[in-house]
Amino acid sequence: MAGFRQRAPALADIAMVAHPAVTLLIDLSEGEGLAYDTPGRHGRGSVVVGLLPGNLRASGRGIGECLQIRLEPAAAAAVLGASTELSGTVVSLEDVWGRDAERVEDKLRAAASWDERFTIAKEILGRRLVARPPVDPEVAYTWRRTLTSRGRVRVDGLADQVGWTRKRLWSRFRSQLGITPKRAAQLVRFDHAAHLLATGHAPASVATESGYVDQSHLHREVKAFTGLTPTAVAVAPWLAIDDLAWPASSPTRSPGTGGERIPDRR
């Protein structure tokens, strides 16, 4: 979780870069607050960003605050009551949680501090997590091995490790997380490469470090996920914010200074 406070009257449009997590953006602003745009859809307020959200841009107006929560896809399936339905989509939190969304926003907005907000959010997510059946342990294991290997893992090898056939693993993984194991590995590998680019590494070295065949392969993957070149991704504002709020996600850089972020370090 990370909290953001917007002091300027308006926040310029920022393109969101795909990340291997389902993201909740809970708008705690009193004014117009958070706005988001995707092809064919414009909305305001709290939003759930599924895996592979496509061309998504966020902006804001007025002084306000936002709580951003990242959920492992396996956790999101229980916490949100949906997984496959969210892959490749951006939906309002109200569409997912109904009237509970407004109650959660009001409770978080009334909290006296960010620490209190983090505690409240943790309790709400925890109750939802235990109230629904988890995904198959084999699916959860496959996701975490993909994440820890930075996407450099063979699906056949993972199927052997969990004692399933490749076909069964592919089917169960996709039905529960809304993405194939191969696409999950591509997303995780891209995320690692994007953060290396953002820390100033040259595309050629990033390609080698991230397990791409060559620089052209990296260019194609980055283009497919973002519509941008590796050079443009390197200076993407979303990744700069990401590095401040979640310094552990940066492969080579310690937390920066400046800006205002309140990361949960507990």
C-alpha atoms as a PDB file:
ATOM      1  CA  MET A   1       0.000   0.000   0.000  1.00  0.00           C
ATOM      2  CA  ALA A   2       1.089   3.566  -0.641  1.00  0.00           C
ATOM      3  CA  GLY A   3      -0.606   6.864   0.066  1.00  0.00           C
ATOM      4  CA  PHE A   4      -0.411   9.869  -2.232  1.00  0.00           C
ATOM      5  CA  ARG A   5      -1.256  13.474  -1.425  1.00  0.00           C
ATOM      6  CA  GLN A   6      -1.832  15.872  -4.295  1.00  0.00           C
ATOM      7  CA  ARG A   7      -1.051  19.456  -3.399  1.00  0.00           C
ATOM      8  CA  ALA A   8      -1.229  21.050  -6.848  1.00  0.00           C
ATOM      9  CA  PRO A   9      -4.640  22.164  -8.193  1.00  0.00           C
ATOM     10  CA  ALA A  10      -4.377  19.692 -11.052  1.00  0.00           C
ATOM     11  CA  LEU A  11      -2.405  16.580 -11.929  1.00  0.00           C
ATOM     12  CA  ALA A  12      -1.439  16.157 -15.562  1.00  0.00           C
ATOM     13  CA  ASP A  13      -2.452  13.005 -17.374  1.00  0.00           C
ATOM     14  CA  ILE A  14      -0.088  10.158 -16.532  1.00  0.00           C
ATOM     15  CA  ALA A  15      -0.004   6.927 -18.517  1.00  0.00           C
ATOM     16  CA  MET A  16       0.000   3.885 -16.247  1.00  0.00           C
ATOM     17  CA  VAL A  17       2.566   1.212 -17.039  1.00  0.00           C
ATOM     18  CA  ALA A  18       1.463  -2.435 -16.814  1.00  0.00           C
ATOM     19  CA  HIS A  19       2.424  -4.100 -13.529  1.00  0.00           C
ATOM     20  CA  PRO A  20       2.129  -7.734 -12.366  1.00  0.00           C
ATOM     21  CA  ALA A  21      -0.556  -6.941  -9.805  1.00  0.00           C
ATOM     22  CA  VAL A  22      -4.213  -5.993  -9.631  1.00  0.00           C
ATOM     23  CA  THR A  23      -4.269  -2.382  -8.444  1.00  0.00           C
ATOM     24  CA  LEU A  24      -6.859  -0.579  -6.352  1.00  0.00           C
ATOM     25  CA  LEU A  25      -6.829   3.214  -6.546  1.00  0.00           C
ATOM     26  CA  ILE A  26      -9.085   4.432  -3.723  1.00  0.00           C
ATOM     27  CA  ASP A  27      -9.962   8.087  -4.181  1.00  0.00           C
ATOM     28  CA  LEU A  28     -10.082   9.912  -0.835  1.00  0.00           C
ATOM     29  CA  SER A  29     -10.419  13.409  -2.311  1.00  0.00           C
ATOM     30  CA  GLU A  30     -13.172  15.809  -1.318  1.00  0.00           C
ATOM     31  CA  GLY A  31     -13.326  17.554  -4.708  1.00  0.00           C
ATOM     32  CA  GLU A  32     -13.407  16.241  -8.270  1.00  0.00           C
ATOM     33  CA  GLY A  33     -10.654  13.812  -7.421  1.00  0.00           C
ATOM     34  CA  LEU A  34      -9.230  10.995  -9.511  1.00  0.00           C
ATOM     35  CA  ALA A  35     -10.135  10.674 -13.181  1.00  0.00           C
ATOM     36  CA  TYR A  36      -9.172   7.861 -15.539  1.00  0.00           C
ATOM     37  CA  ASP A  37      -9.405   7.288 -19.262  1.00  0.00           C
ATOM     38  CA  THR A  38      -9.233   4.138 -21.350  1.00  0.00           C
ATOM     39  CA  PRO A  39     -10.247   3.677 -24.976  1.00  0.00           C
ATOM     40  CA  GLY A  40     -14.006   4.156 -25.026  1.00  0.00           C
ATOM     41  CA  ARG A  41     -14.390   4.865 -21.314  1.00  0.00           C
ATOM     42  CA  HIS A  42     -13.971   7.836 -18.981  1.00  0.00           C
ATOM     43  CA  GLY A  43     -14.640   7.656 -15.267  1.00  0.00           C
ATOM     44  CA  ARG A  44     -14.025   9.256 -11.888  1.00  0.00           C
ATOM     45  CA  GLY A  45     -13.477   8.004  -8.391  1.00  0.00           C
ATOM     46  CA  SER A  46     -12.037   4.786  -7.007  1.00  0.00           C
ATOM     47  CA  VAL A  47     -11.049   2.209  -9.586  1.00  0.00           C
ATOM     48  CA  VAL A  48      -9.767  -1.363  -9.932  1.00  0.00           C
ATOM     49  CA  VAL A  49      -7.035  -1.829 -12.530  1.00  0.00           C
ATOM     50  CA  GLY A  50      -6.788  -5.426 -13.705  1.00  0.00           C
ATOM     51  CA  LEU A  51      -3.764  -7.139 -15.193  1.00  0.00           C
ATOM     52  CA  LEU A  52      -2.867  -5.817 -18.656  1.00  0.00           C
ATOM     53  CA  PRO A  53      -5.147  -2.744 -18.492  1.00  0.00           C
ATOM     54  CA  GLY A  54      -4.058  -1.448 -21.893  1.00  0.00           C
ATOM     55  CA  ASN A  55      -3.917   2.265 -22.647  1.00  0.00           C
ATOM     56  CA  LEU A  56      -4.834   3.735 -19.246  1.00  0.00           C
ATOM     57  CA  ARG A  57      -4.244   7.320 -18.161  1.00  0.00           C
ATOM     58  CA  ALA A  58      -4.906   8.855 -14.750  1.00  0.00           C
ATOM     59  CA  SER A  59      -5.306  12.489 -13.756  1.00  0.00           C
ATOM     60  CA  GLY A  60      -6.717  14.526 -10.909  1.00  0.00           C
ATOM     61  CA  ARG A  61      -8.201  17.914 -10.094  1.00  0.00           C
ATOM     62  CA  GLY A  62      -8.272  19.735  -6.798  1.00  0.00           C
ATOM     63  CA  ILE A  63      -6.355  19.000  -3.620  1.00  0.00           C
ATOM     64  CA  GLY A  64      -6.809  15.403  -2.662  1.00  0.00           C
ATOM     65  CA  GLU A  65      -5.478  12.055  -1.538  1.00  0.00           C
ATOM     66  CA  CYS A  66      -5.420   8.547  -2.930  1.00  0.00           C
ATOM     67  CA  LEU A  67      -4.637   5.158  -1.431  1.00  0.00           C
ATOM     68  CA  GLN A  68      -3.050   2.740  -3.872  1.00  0.00           C
ATOM     69  CA  ILE A  69      -3.141  -0.976  -3.067  1.00  0.00           C
ATOM     70  CA  ARG A  70      -1.443  -3.704  -5.062  1.00  0.00           C
ATOM     71  CA  LEU A  71      -2.796  -7.220  -4.843  1.00  0.00           C
ATOM     72  CA  GLU A  72      -1.239 -10.433  -6.033  1.00  0.00           C
ATOM     73  CA  PRO A  73      -3.638 -11.896  -8.612  1.00  0.00           C
ATOM     74  CA  ALA A  74      -4.205 -14.888  -6.326  1.00  0.00           C
ATOM     75  CA  ALA A  75      -5.247 -12.555  -3.486  1.00  0.00           C
ATOM     76  CA  ALA A  76      -7.284 -10.326  -5.794  1.00  0.00           C
ATOM     77  CA  ALA A  77      -9.432 -13.284  -6.805  1.00  0.00           C
ATOM     78  CA  ALA A  78     -10.639 -13.536  -3.187  1.00  0.00           C
ATOM     79  CA  VAL A  79     -10.519  -9.888  -2.085  1.00  0.00           C
ATOM     80  CA  LEU A  80     -12.428  -8.608  -5.101  1.00  0.00           C
ATOM     81  CA  GLY A  81     -14.527 -11.651  -5.776  1.00  0.00           C
ATOM     82  CA  ALA A  82     -13.260 -11.644  -9.344  1.00  0.00           C
ATOM     83  CA  SER A  83     -10.097 -12.352 -11.299  1.00  0.00           C
ATOM     84  CA  THR A  84     -10.698 -13.471 -14.840  1.00  0.00           C
ATOM     85  CA  GLU A  85     -13.339 -10.773 -15.211  1.00  0.00           C
ATOM     86  CA  LEU A  86     -10.766  -8.102 -14.333  1.00  0.00           C
ATOM     87  CA  SER A  87      -7.924  -9.137 -16.619  1.00  0.00           C
ATOM     88  CA  GLY A  88      -7.486  -6.562 -19.355  1.00  0.00           C
ATOM     89  CA  THR A  89     -10.054  -4.209 -17.828  1.00  0.00           C
ATOM     90  CA  VAL A  90     -10.438  -1.088 -15.718  1.00  0.00           C
ATOM     91  CA  VAL A  91     -13.638  -0.875 -13.642  1.00  0.00           C
ATOM     92  CA  SER A  92     -14.942   1.346 -10.862  1.00  0.00           C
ATOM     93  CA  LEU A  93     -14.611  -0.011  -7.334  1.00  0.00           C
ATOM     94  CA  GLU A  94     -18.367   0.426  -6.951  1.00  0.00           C
ATOM     95  CA  ASP A  95     -18.938  -1.989  -9.839  1.00  0.00           C
ATOM     96  CA  VAL A  96     -16.901  -4.604  -7.966  1.00  0.00           C
ATOM     97  CA  TRP A  97     -17.874  -4.005  -4.309  1.00  0.00           C
ATOM     98  CA  GLY A  98     -21.268  -2.352  -4.701  1.00  0.00           C
ATOM     99  CA  ARG A  99     -22.353  -0.123  -1.795  1.00  0.00           C
ATOM    100  CA  ASP A 100     -19.442  -1.411   0.291  1.00  0.00           C
ATOM    101  CA  ALA A 101     -17.135   0.725  -1.863  1.00  0.00           C
ATOM    102  CA  GLU A 102     -18.651   3.978  -0.575  1.00  0.00           C
ATOM    103  CA  ARG A 103     -18.550   2.784   3.022  1.00  0.00           C
ATOM    104  CA  VAL A 104     -14.879   1.850   2.690  1.00  0.00           C
ATOM    105  CA  GLU A 105     -14.058   5.238   1.144  1.00  0.00           C
ATOM    106  CA  ASP A 106     -15.863   7.118   3.925  1.00  0.00           C
ATOM    107  CA  LYS A 107     -14.118   5.137   6.642  1.00  0.00           C
ATOM    108  CA  LEU A 108     -10.684   5.661   5.100  1.00  0.00           C
ATOM    109  CA  ARG A 109     -11.358   9.342   4.436  1.00  0.00           C
ATOM    110  CA  ALA A 110     -12.309   9.929   8.080  1.00  0.00           C
ATOM    111  CA  ALA A 111      -9.134   8.302   9.449  1.00  0.00           C
ATOM    112  CA  ALA A 112      -6.819  10.657  11.333  1.00  0.00           C
ATOM    113  CA  SER A 113      -3.543   9.460   9.766  1.00  0.00           C
ATOM    114  CA  TRP A 114      -2.086   7.358   6.977  1.00  0.00           C
ATOM    115  CA  ASP A 115      -1.053   4.718   9.504  1.00  0.00           C
ATOM    116  CA  GLU A 116      -4.684   4.436  10.576  1.00  0.00           C
ATOM    117  CA  ARG A 117      -5.758   4.175   6.947  1.00  0.00           C
ATOM    118  CA  PHE A 118      -3.268   1.400   6.298  1.00  0.00           C
ATOM    119  CA  THR A 119      -4.558  -0.484   9.353  1.00  0.00           C
ATOM    120  CA  ILE A 120      -8.185  -0.076   8.260  1.00  0.00           C
ATOM    121  CA  ALA A 121      -7.401  -1.195   4.708  1.00  0.00           C
ATOM    122  CA  LYS A 122      -5.468  -4.204   5.982  1.00  0.00           C
ATOM    123  CA  GLU A 123      -8.410  -5.272   8.146  1.00  0.00           C
ATOM    124  CA  ILE A 124     -10.922  -4.872   5.307  1.00  0.00           C
ATOM    125  CA  LEU A 125      -8.778  -6.820   2.862  1.00  0.00           C
ATOM    126  CA  GLY A 126      -8.023  -9.473   5.458  1.00  0.00           C
ATOM    127  CA  ARG A 127     -11.706 -10.132   6.146  1.00  0.00           C
ATOM    128  CA  ARG A 128     -12.441 -10.476   2.460  1.00  0.00           C
ATOM    129  CA  LEU A 129      -9.427 -12.705   1.922  1.00  0.00           C
ATOM    130  CA  VAL A 130     -10.538 -15.316   4.448  1.00  0.00           C
ATOM    131  CA  ALA A 131     -14.201 -15.155   3.435  1.00  0.00           C
ATOM    132  CA  ARG A 132     -13.683 -16.684  -0.002  1.00  0.00           C
ATOM    133  CA  PRO A 133     -11.910 -19.870  -1.111  1.00  0.00           C
ATOM    134  CA  PRO A 134      -8.349 -19.311  -2.317  1.00  0.00           C
ATOM    135  CA  VAL A 135      -7.073 -20.277  -5.728  1.00  0.00           C
ATOM    136  CA  ASP A 136      -5.492 -23.706  -6.140  1.00  0.00           C
ATOM    137  CA  PRO A 137      -2.172 -23.958  -4.251  1.00  0.00           C
ATOM    138  CA  GLU A 138      -0.584 -25.131  -7.502  1.00  0.00           C
ATOM    139  CA  VAL A 139      -1.737 -21.957  -9.250  1.00  0.00           C
ATOM    140  CA  ALA A 140      -0.514 -19.722  -6.417  1.00  0.00           C
ATOM    141  CA  TYR A 141       2.852 -21.509  -6.410  1.00  0.00           C
ATOM    142  CA  THR A 142       3.217 -21.110 -10.164  1.00  0.00           C
ATOM    143  CA  TRP A 143       2.518 -17.376  -9.934  1.00  0.00           C
ATOM    144  CA  ARG A 144       5.028 -16.826  -7.130  1.00  0.00           C
ATOM    145  CA  ARG A 145       7.733 -18.848  -8.864  1.00  0.00           C
ATOM    146  CA  THR A 146       7.125 -16.748 -11.987  1.00  0.00           C
ATOM    147  CA  LEU A 147       7.455 -13.588  -9.906  1.00  0.00           C
ATOM    148  CA  THR A 148      10.599 -14.597  -8.013  1.00  0.00           C
ATOM    149  CA  SER A 149      12.288 -15.789 -11.214  1.00  0.00           C
ATOM    150  CA  ARG A 150      11.444 -12.455 -12.887  1.00  0.00           C
ATOM    151  CA  GLY A 151       9.611 -14.308 -15.606  1.00  0.00           C
ATOM    152  CA  ARG A 152      12.521 -16.533 -16.561  1.00  0.00           C
ATOM    153  CA  VAL A 153      10.897 -19.880 -15.900  1.00  0.00           C
ATOM    154  CA  ARG A 154       9.565 -22.665 -18.108  1.00  0.00           C
ATOM    155  CA  VAL A 155       5.909 -23.617 -17.760  1.00  0.00           C
ATOM    156  CA  ASP A 156       6.708 -27.300 -18.379  1.00  0.00           C
ATOM    157  CA  GLY A 157       9.129 -27.248 -15.456  1.00  0.00           C
ATOM    158  CA  LEU A 158       6.543 -25.664 -13.162  1.00  0.00           C
ATOM    159  CA  ALA A 159       3.937 -28.223 -14.197  1.00  0.00           C
ATOM    160  CA  ASP A 160       6.338 -30.997 -13.195  1.00  0.00           C
ATOM    161  CA  GLN A 161       6.991 -29.290  -9.854  1.00  0.00           C
ATOM    162  CA  VAL A 162       3.306 -29.118  -8.915  1.00  0.00           C
ATOM    163  CA  GLY A 163       2.542 -32.570 -10.306  1.00  0.00           C
ATOM    164  CA  TRP A 164       0.195 -31.408 -13.056  1.00  0.00           C
ATOM    165  CA  THR A 165       0.283 -31.752 -16.798  1.00  0.00           C
ATOM    166  CA  ARG A 166       1.136 -28.642 -18.759  1.00  0.00           C
ATOM    167  CA  LYS A 167      -2.414 -28.559 -20.161  1.00  0.00           C
ATOM    168  CA  ARG A 168      -4.028 -28.735 -16.715  1.00  0.00           C
ATOM    169  CA  LEU A 169      -1.773 -26.027 -15.290  1.00  0.00           C
ATOM    170  CA  TRP A 170      -2.430 -23.768 -18.274  1.00  0.00           C
ATOM    171  CA  SER A 171      -6.195 -24.245 -17.961  1.00  0.00           C
ATOM    172  CA  ARG A 172      -6.471 -23.773 -14.178  1.00  0.00           C
ATOM    173  CA  PHE A 173      -4.067 -20.820 -14.116  1.00  0.00           C
ATOM    174  CA  ARG A 174      -6.003 -19.007 -16.820  1.00  0.00           C
ATOM    175  CA  SER A 175      -9.435 -19.744 -15.359  1.00  0.00           C
ATOM    176  CA  GLN A 176      -8.421 -18.500 -11.885  1.00  0.00           C
ATOM    177  CA  LEU A 177      -6.081 -15.603 -12.638  1.00  0.00           C
ATOM    178  CA  GLY A 178      -7.362 -14.516 -16.031  1.00  0.00           C
ATOM    179  CA  ILE A 179      -4.006 -14.806 -17.770  1.00  0.00           C
ATOM    180  CA  THR A 180      -1.963 -17.680 -19.182  1.00  0.00           C
ATOM    181  CA  PRO A 181       1.288 -18.738 -17.479  1.00  0.00           C
ATOM    182  CA  LYS A 182       3.229 -17.661 -20.567  1.00  0.00           C
ATOM    183  CA  ARG A 183       1.645 -14.204 -20.601  1.00  0.00           C
ATOM    184  CA  ALA A 184       2.243 -13.899 -16.860  1.00  0.00           C
ATOM    185  CA  ALA A 185       5.943 -14.616 -17.392  1.00  0.00           C
ATOM    186  CA  GLN A 186       6.092 -12.009 -20.164  1.00  0.00           C
ATOM    187  CA  LEU A 187       4.439  -9.423 -17.894  1.00  0.00           C
ATOM    188  CA  VAL A 188       6.788 -10.103 -14.978  1.00  0.00           C
ATOM    189  CA  ARG A 189       9.837 -10.000 -17.266  1.00  0.00           C
ATOM    190  CA  PHE A 190       8.650  -6.735 -18.810  1.00  0.00           C
ATOM    191  CA  ASP A 191       8.124  -5.200 -15.361  1.00  0.00           C
ATOM    192  CA  HIS A 192      11.712  -5.988 -14.382  1.00  0.00           C
ATOM    193  CA  ALA A 193      13.017  -4.585 -17.655  1.00  0.00           C
ATOM    194  CA  ALA A 194      10.920  -1.412 -17.323  1.00  0.00           C
ATOM    195  CA  HIS A 195      12.359  -0.671 -13.899  1.00  0.00           C
ATOM    196  CA  LEU A 196      15.892  -1.248 -15.154  1.00  0.00           C
ATOM    197  CA  LEU A 197      15.226   1.198 -17.994  1.00  0.00           C
ATOM    198  CA  ALA A 198      13.839   3.725 -15.505  1.00  0.00           C
ATOM    199  CA  THR A 199      17.020   3.533 -13.441  1.00  0.00           C
ATOM    200  CA  GLY A 200      19.109   4.557 -16.439  1.00  0.00           C
ATOM    201  CA  HIS A 201      20.338   1.258 -17.838  1.00  0.00           C
ATOM    202  CA  ALA A 202      20.910   1.092 -21.583  1.00  0.00           C
ATOM    203  CA  PRO A 203      18.379  -0.998 -23.553  1.00  0.00           C
ATOM    204  CA  ALA A 204      21.085  -3.413 -24.736  1.00  0.00           C
ATOM    205  CA  SER A 205      22.155  -4.245 -21.180  1.00  0.00           C
ATOM    206  CA  VAL A 206      18.535  -4.424 -20.022  1.00  0.00           C
ATOM    207  CA  ALA A 207      17.767  -6.959 -22.750  1.00  0.00           C
ATOM    208  CA  THR A 208      20.618  -9.178 -21.561  1.00  0.00           C
ATOM    209  CA  GLU A 209      19.828  -8.766 -17.864  1.00  0.00           C
ATOM    210  CA  SER A 210      16.117  -9.475 -18.320  1.00  0.00           C
ATOM    211  CA  GLY A 211      16.479 -12.583 -20.471  1.00  0.00           C
ATOM    212  CA  TYR A 212      15.439 -11.242 -23.874  1.00  0.00           C
ATOM    213  CA  VAL A 213      17.019 -12.719 -26.969  1.00  0.00           C
ATOM    214  CA  ASP A 214      18.359  -9.341 -28.036  1.00  0.00           C
ATOM    215  CA  GLN A 215      17.561  -5.628 -27.989  1.00  0.00           C
ATOM    216  CA  SER A 216      15.036  -5.988 -30.806  1.00  0.00           C
ATOM    217  CA  HIS A 217      13.154  -8.567 -28.749  1.00  0.00           C
ATOM    218  CA  LEU A 218      13.060  -6.139 -25.814  1.00  0.00           C
ATOM    219  CA  HIS A 219      11.823  -3.362 -28.102  1.00  0.00           C
ATOM    220  CA  ARG A 220       8.951  -5.522 -29.385  1.00  0.00           C
ATOM    221  CA  GLU A 221       7.865  -6.562 -25.893  1.00  0.00           C
ATOM    222  CA  VAL A 222       7.996  -3.017 -24.504  1.00  0.00           C
ATOM    223  CA  LYS A 223       6.040  -1.779 -27.509  1.00  0.00           C
ATOM    224  CA  ALA A 224       3.427  -4.498 -27.031  1.00  0.00           C
ATOM    225  CA  PHE A 225       2.872  -3.668 -23.353  1.00  0.00           C
ATOM    226  CA  THR A 226       3.036   0.129 -23.512  1.00  0.00           C
ATOM    227  CA  GLY A 227       2.921   1.331 -27.108  1.00  0.00           C
ATOM    228  CA  LEU A 228       6.190   3.125 -26.335  1.00  0.00           C
ATOM    229  CA  THR A 229       9.856   2.615 -27.160  1.00  0.00           C
ATOM    230  CA  PRO A 230      12.280   1.550 -24.404  1.00  0.00           C
ATOM    231  CA  THR A 231      13.709   5.093 -24.419  1.00  0.00           C
ATOM    232  CA  ALA A 232      10.257   6.573 -23.752  1.00  0.00           C
ATOM    233  CA  VAL A 233       9.485   4.026 -21.043  1.00  0.00           C
ATOM    234  CA  ALA A 234      12.726   4.967 -19.284  1.00  0.00           C
ATOM    235  CA  VAL A 235      11.320   8.433 -18.524  1.00  0.00           C
ATOM    236  CA  ALA A 236       7.684   7.434 -17.944  1.00  0.00           C
ATOM    237  CA  PRO A 237       6.313   9.464 -14.970  1.00  0.00           C
ATOM    238  CA  TRP A 238       4.419   6.456 -13.644  1.00  0.00           C
ATOM    239  CA  LEU A 239       7.657   4.524 -13.122  1.00  0.00           C
ATOM    240  CA  ALA A 240       9.239   7.518 -11.387  1.00  0.00           C
ATOM    241  CA  ILE A 241       6.307   7.600  -8.956  1.00  0.00           C
ATOM    242  CA  ASP A 242       6.526   3.833  -8.606  1.00  0.00           C
ATOM    243  CA  ASP A 243      10.174   4.055  -7.610  1.00  0.00           C
ATOM    244  CA  LEU A 244       9.384   6.558  -4.852  1.00  0.00           C
ATOM    245  CA  ALA A 245       6.402   4.702  -3.425  1.00  0.00           C
ATOM    246  CA  TRP A 246       7.794   1.167  -3.751  1.00  0.00           C
ATOM    247  CA  PRO A 247      11.599   1.501  -3.694  1.00  0.00           C
ATOM    248  CA  ALA A 248      11.943  -2.261  -3.307  1.00  0.00           C
ATOM    249  CA  SER A 249      10.609  -2.632  -6.850  1.00  0.00           C
ATOM    250  CA  SER A 250      13.600  -0.742  -8.216  1.00  0.00           C
ATOM    251  CA  PRO A 251      16.287  -3.264  -9.189  1.00  0.00           C
ATOM    252  CA  THR A 252      19.265  -1.027  -8.473  1.00  0.00           C
ATOM    253  CA  ARG A 253      18.250   2.166  -6.716  1.00  0.00           C
ATOM    254  CA  SER A 254      17.569   2.943  -3.088  1.00  0.00           C
ATOM    255  CA  PRO A 255      14.621   5.185  -2.125  1.00  0.00           C
ATOM    256  CA  GLY A 256      14.800   8.650  -3.628  1.00  0.00           C
ATOM    257  CA  THR A 257      13.931  11.921  -1.995  1.00  0.00           C
ATOM    258  CA  GLY A 258      11.427  14.575  -2.918  1.00  0.00           C
ATOM    259  CA  GLY A 259       7.787  14.230  -3.765  1.00  0.00           C
ATOM    260  CA  GLU A 260       5.326  13.042  -1.191  1.00  0.00           C
ATOM    261  CA  ARG A 261       4.689   9.380  -0.674  1.00  0.00           C
ATOM    262  CA  ILE A 262       3.758   7.400   2.375  1.00  0.00           C
ATOM    263  CA  PRO A 263       4.723   3.768   1.784  1.00  0.00           C
ATOM    264  CA  ASP A 264       3.565   1.114   4.229  1.00  0.00           C
ATOM    265  CA  ARG A 265       6.772  -0.304   5.699  1.00  0.00           C
ATOM    266  CA  ARG A 266       5.242  -2.532   8.355  1.00  0.00           C
END
